């Protein structure tokens, strides 16, 4: 069997494409199996440009070796054989996304969102290390048997198909992810469809950042119950419900239902939970115009308390005035009054001593 660089014994072919062949190989030093990528020159590339291409791919592989992220394939070694670079990476047990789609059809929306979020996280980590992906395809995404989603194929786009500026454009990377999810998802009528639109640059809110796109994908993967902490609202709430329906004319507007003039999604959106002290907060985004908040509850309570105190004080003053006026008998504390003249020996009309009445 062929041995590369005196170390890697080639076993069988795992994948083959325009940029090279991926072999399953045995690492003679560690005794572990690895994936070994053989670099191939595109057929239409002039022969005198091949050395520069190999050198560029080798630099990219060495840069990728510095990336440590679960969604980026781990580069173990870079060796040269016959003037070409051979890149040894971890061997991920599983299928590519392309094989999965071919065997079982599109993925459920939540699973597609999970795959998309992990792919985007890997793309972001590699870009930060200076290794942008020239266009992620289903063949570049490995779905591991352990549940991992692993991105491969960095720098694998054919040179004649990828210009020098393609890899430097983050928006192009997001669009490629949008196209991947468009092909992978079985349903684009819900929240995932709005995220795909945003990735493709077709959303109503304009360009989307990679950070927000990843947050929204993870929200959809988790069931779409809420936006993660620190995030803004979900993409195109109104566009989600009628996605997949007819577009009006050719200007990208969509046919939709609901009351005229109502904010999209406001009619059937559940009332938000409000905690104590939030009544005088700013209106929630998307609330219908002109809607006013109720007055804070503590104001009526304070007013009622003041009125009650005034009533009590008034009653006390009234009784005090009556006690000090005519008819207040000595030794009648507590506001006890008499209906007859004070003094000993006072009698009633029949000569019987009068009894004070309270």
Protein backbone atom coordinates (compact mmCIF):
# COMPACT_ATOMS: atom_id res chain seq x y z
CA UNK A 1 0.00 0.00 0.00
CA UNK A 2 1.06 3.58 -0.63
CA UNK A 3 2.62 5.44 2.28
CA UNK A 4 2.71 9.25 2.24
CA UNK A 5 5.62 11.11 3.86
CA UNK A 6 6.77 7.81 5.39
CA UNK A 7 3.90 7.96 7.87
CA UNK A 8 0.38 7.78 6.42
CA UNK A 9 -0.72 4.50 4.83
CA UNK A 10 -3.58 5.01 2.35
CA UNK A 11 -6.50 2.63 2.94
CA UNK A 12 -9.46 3.71 0.77
CA UNK A 13 -11.09 6.76 -0.78
CA UNK A 14 -13.63 8.65 1.30
CA UNK A 15 -14.48 11.45 -1.12
CA UNK A 16 -13.30 12.90 -4.38
CA UNK A 17 -13.81 16.29 -5.98
CA UNK A 18 -12.35 18.98 -8.20
CA UNK A 19 -9.81 20.12 -5.62
CA UNK A 20 -8.55 16.75 -4.47
CA UNK A 21 -9.16 13.32 -3.01
CA UNK A 22 -9.80 12.50 0.64
CA UNK A 23 -8.38 9.21 1.80
CA UNK A 24 -8.93 7.14 4.89
CA UNK A 25 -5.40 6.55 6.11
CA UNK A 26 -3.60 4.95 9.02
CA UNK A 27 -1.18 7.15 10.93
CA UNK A 28 1.85 4.96 11.50
CA UNK A 29 3.07 7.16 14.34
CA UNK A 30 -0.10 7.17 16.46
CA UNK A 31 -1.86 4.07 15.17
CA UNK A 32 -5.06 6.06 14.62
CA UNK A 33 -7.04 6.43 11.44
CA UNK A 34 -7.17 9.91 9.90
CA UNK A 35 -8.62 11.64 6.86
CA UNK A 36 -5.83 12.58 4.45
CA UNK A 37 -6.57 15.20 1.79
CA UNK A 38 -4.56 15.03 -1.41
CA UNK A 39 -4.36 18.38 -3.22
CA UNK A 40 -5.30 18.36 -6.90
CA UNK A 41 -4.72 21.03 -9.54
CA UNK A 42 -7.88 22.13 -11.40
CA UNK A 43 -7.74 20.98 -15.04
CA UNK A 44 -7.95 24.49 -16.51
CA UNK A 45 -5.28 26.00 -14.28
CA UNK A 46 -2.02 26.75 -16.16
CA UNK A 47 0.80 24.43 -15.11
CA UNK A 48 3.07 27.28 -14.07
CA UNK A 49 0.48 28.43 -11.51
CA UNK A 50 0.26 25.05 -9.77
CA UNK A 51 3.14 25.68 -7.30
CA UNK A 52 1.52 28.91 -6.13
CA UNK A 53 -1.80 27.12 -5.67
CA UNK A 54 -0.21 24.35 -3.61
CA UNK A 55 1.63 26.90 -1.47
CA UNK A 56 -1.59 28.85 -0.85
CA UNK A 57 -3.45 25.70 0.18
CA UNK A 58 -0.63 24.68 2.50
CA UNK A 59 -0.69 28.09 4.21
CA UNK A 60 -4.46 27.84 4.60
CA UNK A 61 -4.22 24.38 6.15
CA UNK A 62 -1.58 25.50 8.63
CA UNK A 63 -3.73 28.49 9.59
CA UNK A 64 -6.75 26.24 10.05
CA UNK A 65 -4.67 24.03 12.35
CA UNK A 66 -4.71 26.91 14.85
CA UNK A 67 -8.52 26.88 15.04
CA UNK A 68 -9.97 24.97 17.95
CA UNK A 69 -13.74 24.72 17.55
CA UNK A 70 -16.04 21.67 17.66
CA UNK A 71 -17.65 22.66 14.35
CA UNK A 72 -14.38 23.07 12.45
CA UNK A 73 -12.53 19.98 11.28
CA UNK A 74 -9.34 19.55 13.32
CA UNK A 75 -6.13 19.66 11.28
CA UNK A 76 -3.54 17.26 12.67
CA UNK A 77 -0.64 17.56 10.24
CA UNK A 78 0.45 19.04 6.91
CA UNK A 79 3.06 17.16 4.88
CA UNK A 80 4.45 17.41 1.34
CA UNK A 81 4.77 14.63 -1.21
CA UNK A 82 5.82 15.15 -4.84
CA UNK A 83 5.59 18.89 -4.39
CA UNK A 84 1.96 18.75 -3.28
CA UNK A 85 0.54 19.31 0.22
CA UNK A 86 -1.26 16.49 1.99
CA UNK A 87 -3.42 17.55 4.95
CA UNK A 88 -4.20 15.09 7.73
CA UNK A 89 -7.37 15.83 9.71
CA UNK A 90 -9.48 14.04 12.28
CA UNK A 91 -11.64 11.26 10.86
CA UNK A 92 -15.28 12.14 11.59
CA UNK A 93 -17.51 9.06 11.63
CA UNK A 94 -20.77 9.87 9.91
CA UNK A 95 -22.28 11.15 6.66
CA UNK A 96 -22.02 14.39 4.81
CA UNK A 97 -25.10 16.58 4.66
CA UNK A 98 -25.28 15.85 0.94
CA UNK A 99 -25.40 12.09 1.60
CA UNK A 100 -28.02 12.59 4.32
CA UNK A 101 -30.28 14.63 2.05
CA UNK A 102 -29.89 12.15 -0.78
CA UNK A 103 -30.77 9.22 1.46
CA UNK A 104 -33.58 10.68 3.54
CA UNK A 105 -34.70 13.91 1.93
CA UNK A 106 -34.80 17.39 3.51
CA UNK A 107 -34.38 17.85 7.24
CA UNK A 108 -37.12 19.01 9.63
CA UNK A 109 -36.95 22.75 10.22
CA UNK A 110 -35.61 22.54 13.78
CA UNK A 111 -32.86 20.07 12.80
CA UNK A 112 -31.94 22.17 9.79
CA UNK A 113 -31.70 25.21 12.07
CA UNK A 114 -29.43 23.30 14.46
CA UNK A 115 -27.15 22.28 11.63
CA UNK A 116 -27.14 25.83 10.27
CA UNK A 117 -26.29 27.35 13.66
CA UNK A 118 -23.36 24.98 14.17
CA UNK A 119 -22.10 25.56 10.63
CA UNK A 120 -22.25 29.32 11.13
CA UNK A 121 -20.41 29.05 14.45
CA UNK A 122 -17.64 27.11 12.71
CA UNK A 123 -17.45 29.59 9.83
CA UNK A 124 -17.16 32.48 12.28
CA UNK A 125 -14.37 30.79 14.23
CA UNK A 126 -12.39 30.05 11.08
CA UNK A 127 -12.86 33.57 9.71
CA UNK A 128 -11.56 35.05 12.96
CA UNK A 129 -8.43 32.93 12.47
CA UNK A 130 -8.01 34.30 8.95
CA UNK A 131 -9.37 31.25 7.10
CA UNK A 132 -12.65 32.24 5.43
CA UNK A 133 -14.67 29.58 3.66
CA UNK A 134 -15.12 30.23 -0.07
CA UNK A 135 -18.62 28.78 -0.15
CA UNK A 136 -19.99 26.05 2.12
CA UNK A 137 -21.80 23.25 0.30
CA UNK A 138 -23.69 20.18 1.61
CA UNK A 139 -20.60 18.13 0.72
CA UNK A 140 -18.54 20.28 3.13
CA UNK A 141 -20.74 19.56 6.19
CA UNK A 142 -20.20 16.35 8.13
CA UNK A 143 -22.97 15.07 10.41
CA UNK A 144 -21.13 12.96 12.93
CA UNK A 145 -22.58 9.86 14.53
CA UNK A 146 -22.00 11.59 17.88
CA UNK A 147 -24.21 14.54 16.93
CA UNK A 148 -21.42 16.91 15.95
CA UNK A 149 -21.76 19.15 12.92
CA UNK A 150 -18.33 19.66 11.35
CA UNK A 151 -17.38 22.02 8.53
CA UNK A 152 -14.65 20.97 6.10
CA UNK A 153 -13.53 22.18 2.68
CA UNK A 154 -11.85 25.43 3.70
CA UNK A 155 -10.09 26.81 0.66
CA UNK A 156 -11.50 24.06 -1.53
CA UNK A 157 -13.42 26.22 -4.00
CA UNK A 158 -11.94 25.89 -7.49
CA UNK A 159 -9.65 28.82 -8.17
CA UNK A 160 -11.36 29.75 -11.40
CA UNK A 161 -14.75 29.89 -9.62
CA UNK A 162 -13.64 31.98 -6.65
CA UNK A 163 -12.16 35.38 -7.19
CA UNK A 164 -9.64 36.92 -4.81
CA UNK A 165 -12.29 38.99 -3.06
CA UNK A 166 -14.82 36.20 -2.51
CA UNK A 167 -13.22 34.86 0.63
CA UNK A 168 -12.92 38.33 2.16
CA UNK A 169 -16.66 39.05 1.96
CA UNK A 170 -18.54 37.93 5.11
CA UNK A 171 -21.88 38.61 3.38
CA UNK A 172 -21.00 36.11 0.64
CA UNK A 173 -20.28 33.52 3.33
CA UNK A 174 -23.71 34.15 4.89
CA UNK A 175 -25.40 33.89 1.51
CA UNK A 176 -23.75 30.52 0.91
CA UNK A 177 -25.14 29.35 4.27
CA UNK A 178 -28.58 30.62 3.25
CA UNK A 179 -28.42 28.59 0.04
CA UNK A 180 -27.32 25.53 2.01
CA UNK A 181 -30.28 25.83 4.40
CA UNK A 182 -32.61 26.48 1.49
CA UNK A 183 -31.64 23.09 0.09
CA UNK A 184 -31.59 21.31 3.46
CA UNK A 185 -34.88 22.39 5.08
CA UNK A 186 -38.21 20.72 4.37
CA UNK A 187 -40.29 23.73 5.45
CA UNK A 188 -39.61 27.40 4.89
CA UNK A 189 -43.04 28.73 5.84
CA UNK A 190 -42.16 29.38 9.48
CA UNK A 191 -39.42 31.09 11.51
CA UNK A 192 -36.62 29.29 9.66
CA UNK A 193 -37.79 30.76 6.36
CA UNK A 194 -37.42 34.28 7.75
CA UNK A 195 -33.83 33.53 8.84
CA UNK A 196 -32.99 32.06 5.43
CA UNK A 197 -34.38 35.20 3.78
CA UNK A 198 -32.18 37.34 6.00
CA UNK A 199 -29.09 35.26 5.20
CA UNK A 200 -29.78 35.60 1.49
CA UNK A 201 -30.21 39.35 1.86
CA UNK A 202 -33.91 39.16 1.00
CA UNK A 203 -35.27 39.98 4.45
CA UNK A 204 -37.28 43.14 5.18
CA UNK A 205 -34.70 44.36 7.70
CA UNK A 206 -31.75 44.57 5.31
CA UNK A 207 -28.33 42.97 5.88
CA UNK A 208 -28.02 40.65 8.85
CA UNK A 209 -24.98 40.13 11.05
CA UNK A 210 -23.51 36.68 11.59
CA UNK A 211 -23.99 37.04 15.34
CA UNK A 212 -27.70 37.72 15.09
CA UNK A 213 -28.23 35.06 12.44
CA UNK A 214 -26.65 32.45 14.71
CA UNK A 215 -28.81 33.54 17.66
CA UNK A 216 -31.97 33.28 15.60
CA UNK A 217 -31.01 29.86 14.21
CA UNK A 218 -30.47 28.57 17.73
CA UNK A 219 -33.81 30.05 18.78
CA UNK A 220 -35.55 28.20 15.94
CA UNK A 221 -33.66 25.00 16.75
CA UNK A 222 -34.85 25.28 20.35
CA UNK A 223 -38.50 25.54 19.36
CA UNK A 224 -38.74 29.26 18.70
CA UNK A 225 -40.16 30.04 22.13
CA UNK A 226 -38.11 33.17 22.72
CA UNK A 227 -35.18 35.24 21.54
CA UNK A 228 -31.97 34.47 23.48
CA UNK A 229 -30.87 36.97 26.16
CA UNK A 230 -29.23 40.04 24.70
CA UNK A 231 -30.86 39.45 21.31
CA UNK A 232 -33.31 41.57 19.43
CA UNK A 233 -36.64 40.47 18.08
CA UNK A 234 -37.06 37.65 15.63
CA UNK A 235 -36.71 38.25 11.91
CA UNK A 236 -39.76 39.28 9.90
CA UNK A 237 -42.51 38.10 12.25
CA UNK A 238 -45.18 38.95 9.71
CA UNK A 239 -43.33 37.43 6.74
CA UNK A 240 -43.10 34.06 8.46
CA UNK A 241 -46.81 33.35 8.44
CA UNK A 242 -47.35 33.92 4.74
CA UNK A 243 -44.02 32.64 3.49
CA UNK A 244 -44.68 30.12 0.76
CA UNK A 245 -47.82 31.97 -0.31
CA UNK A 246 -48.10 34.02 -3.47
CA UNK A 247 -45.92 37.09 -3.88
CA UNK A 248 -47.72 40.22 -4.96
CA UNK A 249 -46.45 41.52 -8.29
CA UNK A 250 -42.69 41.40 -8.70
CA UNK A 251 -41.54 43.86 -6.07
CA UNK A 252 -41.07 41.29 -3.32
CA UNK A 253 -44.15 42.30 -1.35
CA UNK A 254 -46.21 39.45 0.04
CA UNK A 255 -49.91 38.73 0.20
CA UNK A 256 -51.05 38.47 3.78
CA UNK A 257 -54.11 38.46 6.01
CA UNK A 258 -55.00 40.27 9.21
CA UNK A 259 -56.73 43.54 9.93
CA UNK A 260 -55.75 46.45 7.69
CA UNK A 261 -53.07 48.57 9.26
CA UNK A 262 -52.35 46.11 12.05
CA UNK A 263 -48.76 45.38 12.89
CA UNK A 264 -47.68 42.00 11.44
CA UNK A 265 -48.25 39.22 13.97
CA UNK A 266 -49.79 41.63 16.52
CA UNK A 267 -53.34 40.23 16.25
CA UNK A 268 -52.47 36.72 17.43
CA UNK A 269 -49.34 37.38 19.46
CA UNK A 270 -49.68 36.41 23.16
CA UNK A 271 -49.64 39.21 25.67
CA UNK A 272 -46.14 39.60 27.10
CA UNK A 273 -45.60 38.77 30.76
CA UNK A 274 -44.80 41.88 32.77
CA UNK A 275 -43.18 41.83 36.16
CA UNK A 276 -43.82 44.32 38.95
CA UNK A 277 -42.52 47.78 38.21
CA UNK A 278 -42.71 47.38 34.43
CA UNK A 279 -46.04 49.20 33.91
CA UNK A 280 -44.38 52.51 33.11
CA UNK A 281 -41.73 50.98 30.83
CA UNK A 282 -41.42 51.91 27.17
CA UNK A 283 -43.92 50.21 24.81
CA UNK A 284 -42.85 46.81 23.55
CA UNK A 285 -41.57 46.74 19.95
CA UNK A 286 -44.37 46.02 17.50
CA UNK A 287 -47.15 47.32 19.79
CA UNK A 288 -49.98 49.00 17.86
CA UNK A 289 -49.56 52.80 17.60
CA UNK A 290 -51.47 54.92 20.05
CA UNK A 291 -51.75 52.21 22.65
CA UNK A 292 -51.36 53.71 26.11
CA UNK A 293 -50.21 52.09 29.30
CA UNK A 294 -52.39 51.96 32.36
CA UNK A 295 -51.56 54.34 35.17
CA UNK A 296 -49.25 52.82 37.77
CA UNK A 297 -51.25 51.03 40.43
CA UNK A 298 -49.38 52.63 43.31
CA UNK A 299 -50.90 56.07 42.59
CA UNK A 300 -54.52 55.05 43.36
CA UNK A 301 -53.31 53.26 46.48
CA UNK A 302 -51.57 56.39 47.74
CA UNK A 303 -54.63 58.57 46.97
CA UNK A 304 -56.93 56.16 48.82
CA UNK A 305 -54.59 56.18 51.80
CA UNK A 306 -54.55 59.98 51.99
CA UNK A 307 -58.36 60.19 51.72
CA UNK A 308 -58.77 57.60 54.45
CA UNK A 309 -56.38 59.48 56.74
CA UNK A 310 -58.29 62.73 56.18
CA UNK A 311 -61.60 61.03 57.01
CA UNK A 312 -60.20 59.62 60.25
CA UNK A 313 -58.71 62.98 61.22
CA UNK A 314 -62.02 64.71 60.49
CA UNK A 315 -63.92 62.29 62.70
CA UNK A 316 -61.50 62.84 65.57
CA UNK A 317 -61.79 66.62 65.29
CA UNK A 318 -65.58 66.40 65.16
CA UNK A 319 -65.73 64.37 68.37
CA UNK A 320 -63.20 66.62 70.08
CA UNK A 321 -65.27 69.73 69.30
CA UNK A 322 -68.44 68.10 70.64
CA UNK A 323 -66.65 67.06 73.81
CA UNK A 324 -65.50 70.61 74.51
CA UNK A 325 -68.88 72.27 73.77
CA UNK A 326 -72.06 72.66 75.91
CA UNK A 327 -73.49 69.46 77.20
CA UNK A 328 -70.18 67.78 77.91
CA UNK A 329 -70.41 66.51 81.41
CA UNK A 330 -67.45 66.24 83.76
CA UNK A 331 -65.99 62.79 84.01
CA UNK A 332 -67.28 61.81 80.62
CA UNK A 333 -64.07 60.93 78.78
CA UNK A 334 -63.96 59.35 75.42
CA UNK A 335 -66.61 61.58 73.87
CA UNK A 336 -69.54 60.39 76.06
CA UNK A 337 -72.17 63.17 75.96
CA UNK A 338 -75.41 63.89 77.80
CA UNK A 339 -78.75 65.08 76.49
CA UNK A 340 -79.69 66.85 79.75
CA UNK A 341 -78.12 69.75 81.73
CA UNK A 342 -75.01 68.72 83.64
CA UNK A 343 -74.79 68.74 87.40
CA UNK A 344 -75.90 66.65 90.35
CA UNK A 345 -79.60 66.42 91.08
CA UNK A 346 -80.74 66.89 87.56
CA UNK A 347 -84.09 65.21 87.05
CA UNK A 348 -86.29 64.34 84.21
CA UNK A 349 -89.81 65.46 83.62
CA UNK A 350 -91.22 62.83 86.03
CA UNK A 351 -88.72 63.58 88.81
CA UNK A 352 -86.56 60.53 88.17
CA UNK A 353 -82.82 61.26 87.88
CA UNK A 354 -81.86 61.35 84.25
CA UNK A 355 -79.45 58.72 82.91
CA UNK A 356 -76.74 59.93 80.52
CA UNK A 357 -76.98 58.45 77.01
CA UNK A 358 -74.09 57.91 74.79
